[in-house]
Amino acid sequence: QEQTRQSFSSLMTGFGLAVFGMFALLTLEFKSTIQPLIILAVLPFGLIGAVLGHLMLDSPLTLFSLFGAVTLAGIIANDSIVLVDFINRALENGMPIETALVESGRRRFRPVMLTSITTIAALLPILAERNTQAQVIIPMAISISFGLLLATLWILFLVPAIFSVYARCRRATT
């Protein structure tokens, strides 16, 4: 139990550092402190999806579940970056914000969905495995697949919605 507690503590510290690292790198890339927050805003929905997946499959949360949640954070961030980057490029090319938001959803829908679907599909054999050796990694697969399932839906709606609010606030202050 002591080792588990220490592992959990170090994992949470590492997760916090990873999120901060993502935030710092995204801040440098987008030259904004708000846009990285828009990208990272979907992370809680992925974690909710991971927990719901464990509840639905009646599987306890384990340390490997948390490893999956950390991995999930990176996948979610990548999908969100795809949308925000497209919106920024469209705005740089003079597209109105409303059009840029709609186009980002329309043109990036397929890449975001394919990333999520292929990842979830790749994890299905692990989820279906009943071998005792696989039981250790099944919680990780549950966290990633169910978290990604829920987060993908939120990415496609929440990221453009928050970006819209951000753009309006930015427009109002200039």
Protein backbone atom coordinates (compact mmCIF):
# COMPACT_ATOMS: atom_id res chain seq x y z
CA GLN A 1 0.00 0.00 0.00
CA GLU A 2 2.89 2.35 0.77
CA GLN A 3 4.40 1.70 -2.66
CA THR A 4 1.02 2.30 -4.30
CA ARG A 5 0.62 5.57 -2.39
CA GLN A 6 4.11 6.69 -3.44
CA SER A 7 3.46 5.69 -7.06
CA PHE A 8 0.15 7.55 -7.03
CA SER A 9 1.80 10.63 -5.53
CA SER A 10 4.64 10.66 -8.05
CA LEU A 11 2.20 10.02 -10.91
CA MET A 12 0.06 12.99 -9.86
CA THR A 13 3.17 15.16 -9.60
CA GLY A 14 4.28 13.98 -13.03
CA PHE A 15 0.81 14.58 -14.47
CA GLY A 16 0.79 18.12 -13.07
CA LEU A 17 4.23 18.76 -14.55
CA ALA A 18 3.14 17.30 -17.88
CA VAL A 19 0.06 19.55 -18.04
CA PHE A 20 2.19 22.55 -17.07
CA GLY A 21 4.73 21.55 -19.72
CA MET A 22 1.99 21.29 -22.34
CA PHE A 23 0.68 24.67 -21.27
CA ALA A 24 4.15 26.25 -21.49
CA LEU A 25 4.90 24.78 -24.92
CA LEU A 26 1.48 25.74 -26.26
CA THR A 27 1.89 29.26 -24.87
CA LEU A 28 5.13 29.59 -26.81
CA GLU A 29 3.64 28.10 -29.96
CA PHE A 30 0.42 30.12 -30.00
CA LYS A 31 1.88 33.26 -28.39
CA SER A 32 -1.15 33.34 -26.11
CA THR A 33 -1.95 32.20 -22.60
CA ILE A 34 -5.66 31.81 -23.32
CA GLN A 35 -5.45 29.49 -26.34
CA PRO A 36 -3.56 26.78 -24.38
CA LEU A 37 -6.30 26.99 -21.75
CA ILE A 38 -8.88 26.45 -24.51
CA ILE A 39 -6.95 23.38 -25.64
CA LEU A 40 -6.61 22.00 -22.11
CA ALA A 41 -10.24 22.78 -21.17
CA VAL A 42 -11.37 19.45 -22.58
CA LEU A 43 -9.08 17.39 -20.31
CA PRO A 44 -11.62 17.12 -17.45
CA PHE A 45 -14.18 15.61 -19.84
CA GLY A 46 -11.70 12.93 -20.81
CA LEU A 47 -11.12 12.12 -17.16
CA ILE A 48 -14.88 11.97 -16.58
CA GLY A 49 -15.16 9.58 -19.54
CA ALA A 50 -12.40 7.41 -18.08
CA VAL A 51 -14.18 7.17 -14.72
CA LEU A 52 -17.53 6.49 -16.39
CA GLY A 53 -15.91 3.72 -18.44
CA HIS A 54 -14.65 2.06 -15.30
CA LEU A 55 -18.11 2.35 -13.73
CA MET A 56 -19.85 0.97 -16.83
CA LEU A 57 -17.51 -2.01 -17.03
CA ASP A 58 -17.51 -2.48 -13.26
CA SER A 59 -13.73 -2.21 -13.22
CA PRO A 60 -11.89 -0.68 -10.29
CA LEU A 61 -9.67 2.36 -10.81
CA THR A 62 -6.07 1.24 -10.53
CA LEU A 63 -2.66 2.78 -10.94
CA PHE A 64 -2.74 1.59 -14.56
CA SER A 65 -6.04 3.47 -14.98
CA LEU A 66 -4.17 6.61 -14.04
CA PHE A 67 -1.36 5.79 -16.48
CA GLY A 68 -4.06 5.62 -19.14
CA ALA A 69 -5.49 8.96 -18.00
CA VAL A 70 -2.07 10.60 -18.39
CA THR A 71 -1.77 9.16 -21.89
CA LEU A 72 -5.31 10.30 -22.62
CA ALA A 73 -4.39 13.90 -21.76
CA GLY A 74 -1.82 13.95 -24.56
CA ILE A 75 -4.23 12.52 -27.12
CA ILE A 76 -6.93 15.01 -26.16
CA ALA A 77 -4.49 17.90 -26.36
CA ASN A 78 -3.40 16.80 -29.84
CA ASP A 79 -6.98 16.69 -31.12
CA SER A 80 -7.71 20.11 -29.64
CA ILE A 81 -4.53 21.58 -31.15
CA VAL A 82 -5.71 20.47 -34.60
CA LEU A 83 -8.84 22.63 -34.25
CA VAL A 84 -7.19 25.68 -32.65
CA ASP A 85 -4.38 25.69 -35.20
CA PHE A 86 -6.87 25.55 -38.07
CA ILE A 87 -8.89 28.40 -36.57
CA ASN A 88 -5.76 30.53 -36.15
CA ARG A 89 -4.63 29.89 -39.72
CA ALA A 90 -8.07 30.74 -41.08
CA LEU A 91 -8.12 33.99 -39.09
CA GLU A 92 -4.62 34.88 -40.33
CA ASN A 93 -5.92 34.44 -43.88
CA GLY A 94 -8.67 36.99 -43.20
CA MET A 95 -11.57 34.62 -42.64
CA PRO A 96 -14.28 36.00 -40.29
CA ILE A 97 -14.34 34.31 -36.88
CA GLU A 98 -17.74 32.67 -37.35
CA THR A 99 -16.69 31.20 -40.69
CA ALA A 100 -13.35 30.06 -39.26
CA LEU A 101 -15.11 28.25 -36.42
CA VAL A 102 -17.57 26.49 -38.72
CA GLU A 103 -14.84 25.59 -41.21
CA SER A 104 -12.60 24.23 -38.46
CA GLY A 105 -15.37 21.89 -37.39
CA ARG A 106 -16.22 20.92 -40.94
CA ARG A 107 -12.66 20.46 -42.24
CA ARG A 108 -11.07 18.99 -39.10
CA PHE A 109 -13.99 16.74 -38.13
CA ARG A 110 -12.66 13.78 -40.10
CA PRO A 111 -9.04 13.95 -38.79
CA VAL A 112 -10.22 14.32 -35.18
CA MET A 113 -12.74 11.48 -35.53
CA LEU A 114 -10.29 9.20 -37.32
CA THR A 115 -7.66 9.74 -34.64
CA SER A 116 -10.14 8.86 -31.94
CA ILE A 117 -11.80 5.95 -33.73
CA THR A 118 -8.51 4.30 -34.71
CA THR A 119 -7.16 4.67 -31.18
CA ILE A 120 -10.31 3.23 -29.63
CA ALA A 121 -10.43 0.43 -32.22
CA ALA A 122 -6.81 -0.46 -31.48
CA LEU A 123 -7.68 -0.79 -27.79
CA LEU A 124 -10.76 -3.02 -28.31
CA PRO A 125 -8.77 -6.29 -28.42
CA ILE A 126 -7.19 -5.38 -25.08
CA LEU A 127 -10.61 -4.57 -23.60
CA ALA A 128 -11.96 -7.92 -24.83
CA GLU A 129 -8.99 -9.93 -23.58
CA ARG A 130 -9.73 -12.29 -20.70
CA ASN A 131 -6.20 -13.61 -20.27
CA THR A 132 -4.99 -13.10 -16.70
CA GLN A 133 -1.79 -11.44 -17.94
CA ALA A 134 -3.82 -8.79 -19.77
CA GLN A 135 -5.89 -7.90 -16.70
CA VAL A 136 -3.17 -5.51 -15.56
CA ILE A 137 -3.37 -3.29 -18.65
CA ILE A 138 -7.13 -3.42 -19.22
CA PRO A 139 -7.73 -0.48 -16.82
CA MET A 140 -5.34 1.61 -18.92
CA ALA A 141 -7.24 0.71 -22.08
CA ILE A 142 -10.55 1.55 -20.39
CA SER A 143 -9.29 4.99 -19.35
CA ILE A 144 -7.97 5.82 -22.79
CA SER A 145 -10.86 4.47 -24.86
CA PHE A 146 -13.79 5.72 -22.80
CA GLY A 147 -12.07 9.00 -21.98
CA LEU A 148 -11.32 9.59 -25.64
CA LEU A 149 -14.86 8.67 -26.64
CA LEU A 150 -16.38 11.35 -24.41
CA ALA A 151 -13.63 13.93 -24.95
CA THR A 152 -13.85 13.72 -28.74
CA LEU A 153 -17.47 14.84 -28.68
CA TRP A 154 -16.58 17.71 -26.39
CA ILE A 155 -13.53 18.68 -28.46
CA LEU A 156 -15.66 19.16 -31.55
CA PHE A 157 -18.14 21.43 -29.76
CA LEU A 158 -16.43 22.94 -26.73
CA VAL A 159 -13.16 24.08 -28.33
CA PRO A 160 -14.88 26.17 -31.06
CA ALA A 161 -17.42 27.50 -28.52
CA ILE A 162 -14.75 28.64 -26.07
CA PHE A 163 -12.67 30.04 -28.91
CA SER A 164 -15.71 32.05 -30.01
CA VAL A 165 -16.04 33.57 -26.53
CA TYR A 166 -12.29 34.26 -26.49
CA ALA A 167 -12.47 35.98 -29.89
CA ARG A 168 -15.42 38.14 -28.81
CA CYS A 169 -13.65 39.19 -25.59
CA ARG A 170 -10.47 39.94 -27.52
CA ARG A 171 -12.43 41.96 -30.06
CA ALA A 172 -14.21 43.89 -27.28
CA THR A 173 -10.93 44.89 -25.63
CA THR A 174 -9.28 46.13 -28.83
